[in-house]
């Protein structure tokens, strides 16, 4: 059964799956893996359309050099750096953010105006693509097959309770009541005296 949703929701689902990479429950883990293989090609096509241009890459390199110029230094005069978990890269420690941002904007306007134009176009394209409707045939799992939901952020064995609305909205998790078993009532039938049962 296909679900009609928006591309934005697929990115939300992708992040949810990434956040639950260590789920221990077998059926749930299998469901996540199956759905990731379903949405990955769709998301990859979107990412290709939003790929930064050469001008944007050049501006990014210029910003790195600018960061080094404004970076705080240690006792040996070397620029200090820290790890940014959001992009997985090392960044320079800059205490005077105001001066750095002013220099960055000046650099953008004076030498990298094309990067600014490209960035604005990609941002607009991103908004449009994320709102596009898409039909996806998700792998589904019955809510009764999931062991439970947790509230503790440190426990990654099963889903967070806050994840349930998205999974239900996409039709990935569904709730289905067990069919009621209605016993058949068989009434004893008396055979009239002297009447033989018809042979089958």
Protein backbone atom coordinates (compact mmCIF):
# COMPACT_ATOMS: atom_id res chain seq x y z
CA UNK A 1 0.00 0.00 0.00
CA UNK A 2 1.50 3.31 -1.09
CA UNK A 3 1.63 6.40 1.09
CA UNK A 4 1.38 9.89 -0.41
CA UNK A 5 3.57 12.33 1.48
CA UNK A 6 6.06 15.15 0.87
CA UNK A 7 9.77 14.85 0.22
CA UNK A 8 10.40 16.77 3.45
CA UNK A 9 8.92 13.88 5.42
CA UNK A 10 11.33 11.44 3.79
CA UNK A 11 14.27 13.49 5.04
CA UNK A 12 12.71 13.46 8.51
CA UNK A 13 12.36 9.69 8.27
CA UNK A 14 15.97 9.37 7.11
CA UNK A 15 17.15 11.28 10.17
CA UNK A 16 14.94 9.15 12.43
CA UNK A 17 16.48 5.98 10.98
CA UNK A 18 20.00 7.35 11.47
CA UNK A 19 19.17 8.14 15.09
CA UNK A 20 18.09 4.55 15.68
CA UNK A 21 21.00 2.71 14.14
CA UNK A 22 21.56 0.62 17.26
CA UNK A 23 18.03 -0.65 17.86
CA UNK A 24 18.26 -4.18 19.23
CA UNK A 25 14.76 -5.44 18.42
CA UNK A 26 15.05 -7.61 15.30
CA UNK A 27 11.73 -6.89 13.58
CA UNK A 28 12.05 -3.15 14.17
CA UNK A 29 15.64 -3.06 12.92
CA UNK A 30 14.64 -4.98 9.79
CA UNK A 31 11.78 -2.57 9.13
CA UNK A 32 14.13 0.44 9.38
CA UNK A 33 16.71 -1.14 7.08
CA UNK A 34 14.07 -2.02 4.47
CA UNK A 35 12.61 1.48 4.46
CA UNK A 36 16.04 3.10 4.21
CA UNK A 37 16.74 1.18 1.00
CA UNK A 38 13.38 2.43 -0.30
CA UNK A 39 13.90 6.14 0.39
CA UNK A 40 17.66 6.39 -0.29
CA UNK A 41 17.35 6.62 -4.12
CA UNK A 42 14.68 9.32 -3.79
CA UNK A 43 16.76 11.40 -1.39
CA UNK A 44 19.89 10.95 -3.51
CA UNK A 45 18.10 12.42 -6.53
CA UNK A 46 17.07 15.44 -4.45
CA UNK A 47 20.59 15.91 -3.09
CA UNK A 48 22.01 15.93 -6.62
CA UNK A 49 19.66 18.76 -7.56
CA UNK A 50 20.80 20.72 -4.49
CA UNK A 51 24.51 20.09 -4.96
CA UNK A 52 26.66 23.20 -4.25
CA UNK A 53 28.19 24.87 -7.31
CA UNK A 54 31.91 25.41 -7.93
CA UNK A 55 31.46 29.06 -6.96
CA UNK A 56 30.01 28.01 -3.61
CA UNK A 57 32.90 25.60 -2.99
CA UNK A 58 35.38 28.39 -3.74
CA UNK A 59 33.63 30.68 -1.28
CA UNK A 60 33.67 27.96 1.37
CA UNK A 61 37.43 27.59 1.01
CA UNK A 62 37.84 31.35 1.28
CA UNK A 63 35.81 31.31 4.52
CA UNK A 64 38.11 28.63 5.95
CA UNK A 65 41.14 30.79 5.20
CA UNK A 66 39.38 33.77 6.73
CA UNK A 67 38.59 31.73 9.84
CA UNK A 68 42.27 30.93 10.23
CA UNK A 69 43.07 34.63 9.99
CA UNK A 70 40.63 35.54 12.78
CA UNK A 71 41.22 32.43 14.91
CA UNK A 72 42.30 32.52 18.55
CA UNK A 73 45.84 31.29 19.07
CA UNK A 74 47.50 29.12 21.68
CA UNK A 75 50.71 29.85 23.59
CA UNK A 76 52.75 28.86 20.54
CA UNK A 77 50.82 31.18 18.25
CA UNK A 78 49.01 28.39 16.45
CA UNK A 79 45.31 28.80 15.61
CA UNK A 80 42.97 26.92 17.94
CA UNK A 81 40.46 24.48 16.49
CA UNK A 82 37.50 22.44 17.69
CA UNK A 83 35.39 19.63 16.29
CA UNK A 84 31.94 20.58 15.03
CA UNK A 85 29.64 17.54 15.39
CA UNK A 86 27.02 19.10 13.09
CA UNK A 87 29.22 18.85 9.99
CA UNK A 88 31.87 16.45 11.28
CA UNK A 89 34.71 18.88 10.58
CA UNK A 90 37.36 20.82 12.47
CA UNK A 91 36.70 24.55 12.79
CA UNK A 92 38.75 27.46 14.04
CA UNK A 93 37.97 29.04 17.40
CA UNK A 94 36.92 32.64 16.72
CA UNK A 95 36.11 34.80 19.73
CA UNK A 96 35.51 38.03 17.79
CA UNK A 97 32.56 36.76 15.78
CA UNK A 98 31.41 40.28 14.89
CA UNK A 99 34.67 41.15 13.13
CA UNK A 100 34.77 37.78 11.41
CA UNK A 101 31.19 38.02 10.11
CA UNK A 102 31.79 41.56 8.82
CA UNK A 103 34.87 40.38 6.94
CA UNK A 104 33.01 37.35 5.62
CA UNK A 105 30.14 39.42 4.22
CA UNK A 106 32.60 41.84 2.64
CA UNK A 107 34.39 38.89 1.04
CA UNK A 108 31.08 37.50 -0.22
CA UNK A 109 29.96 40.76 -1.81
CA UNK A 110 33.34 41.73 -3.27
CA UNK A 111 34.81 38.48 -4.55
CA UNK A 112 32.16 35.76 -4.39
CA UNK A 113 28.90 37.35 -5.55
CA UNK A 114 28.21 34.34 -7.80
CA UNK A 115 28.29 32.06 -4.77
CA UNK A 116 25.69 34.27 -3.11
CA UNK A 117 23.44 34.09 -6.19
CA UNK A 118 23.87 30.33 -6.49
CA UNK A 119 23.14 29.85 -2.80
CA UNK A 120 19.91 31.82 -3.03
CA UNK A 121 18.77 29.82 -6.08
CA UNK A 122 19.55 26.49 -4.42
CA UNK A 123 17.75 27.58 -1.25
CA UNK A 124 14.64 28.43 -3.29
CA UNK A 125 14.89 25.15 -5.20
CA UNK A 126 15.24 23.29 -1.91
CA UNK A 127 12.02 24.77 -0.54
CA UNK A 128 10.19 23.72 -3.71
CA UNK A 129 11.60 20.20 -3.81
CA UNK A 130 10.89 19.51 -0.16
CA UNK A 131 7.22 20.34 -0.68
CA UNK A 132 6.82 18.11 -3.73
CA UNK A 133 4.40 15.18 -3.27
CA UNK A 134 5.79 11.67 -3.53
CA UNK A 135 4.23 8.21 -3.37
CA UNK A 136 6.19 5.59 -1.47
CA UNK A 137 5.47 1.93 -0.90
CA UNK A 138 6.87 1.61 2.63
CA UNK A 139 7.61 -1.63 4.43
CA UNK A 140 5.08 -1.68 7.26
CA UNK A 141 5.02 -3.23 10.72
CA UNK A 142 2.20 -3.83 13.15
CA UNK A 143 2.38 -1.73 16.31
CA UNK A 144 1.82 -4.89 18.33
CA UNK A 145 5.11 -6.31 16.97
CA UNK A 146 7.16 -3.51 18.58
CA UNK A 147 8.22 -4.22 22.18
CA UNK A 148 7.47 -0.71 23.44
CA UNK A 149 8.50 2.93 23.41
CA UNK A 150 10.96 4.70 25.66
CA UNK A 151 11.26 8.16 27.19
CA UNK A 152 14.97 7.95 28.11
CA UNK A 153 17.26 9.62 25.54
CA UNK A 154 20.19 7.41 26.61
CA UNK A 155 18.40 4.14 25.85
CA UNK A 156 18.71 3.35 22.13
CA UNK A 157 17.31 -0.19 22.22
CA UNK A 158 13.84 0.79 20.96
CA UNK A 159 11.97 3.81 19.60
CA UNK A 160 11.46 7.09 21.36
CA UNK A 161 7.77 7.74 22.01
CA UNK A 162 8.08 11.07 20.16
CA UNK A 163 8.92 9.18 16.94
CA UNK A 164 5.57 7.42 16.80
CA UNK A 165 3.51 10.23 15.10
CA UNK A 166 5.79 10.40 12.04
CA UNK A 167 5.85 6.61 11.63
CA UNK A 168 2.06 6.43 11.89
CA UNK A 169 1.59 9.39 9.52
CA UNK A 170 3.68 7.63 6.87
CA UNK A 171 1.79 4.39 7.42
CA UNK A 172 4.95 2.54 8.44
CA UNK A 173 3.53 1.58 11.81
CA UNK A 174 -0.10 0.59 11.92
CA UNK A 175 -2.38 -0.73 14.59
CA UNK A 176 -4.55 -3.67 13.76
CA UNK A 177 -6.80 -5.37 16.23
CA UNK A 178 -6.77 -9.12 16.37
CA UNK A 179 -9.84 -10.56 14.64
CA UNK A 180 -12.55 -11.57 17.03
CA UNK A 181 -13.27 -15.26 17.10
CA UNK A 182 -17.00 -15.86 17.12
CA UNK A 183 -17.83 -19.46 18.08
CA UNK A 184 -20.25 -21.16 15.79
CA UNK A 185 -23.47 -22.21 17.42
CA UNK A 186 -24.48 -25.61 16.23
CA UNK A 187 -27.92 -26.71 17.21
CA UNK A 188 -28.56 -30.41 17.60
CA UNK A 189 -31.00 -31.60 15.05
CA UNK A 190 -33.21 -34.55 15.86
CA UNK A 191 -33.86 -37.10 13.16
CA UNK A 192 -37.52 -37.93 12.92
CA UNK A 193 -38.27 -41.54 13.86
CA UNK A 194 -37.95 -43.99 10.98
CA UNK A 195 -36.21 -41.40 8.69
CA UNK A 196 -32.84 -42.42 7.34
CA UNK A 197 -30.01 -39.94 6.86
CA UNK A 198 -29.28 -39.27 3.21
CA UNK A 199 -26.00 -40.72 2.15
CA UNK A 200 -23.35 -38.23 1.01
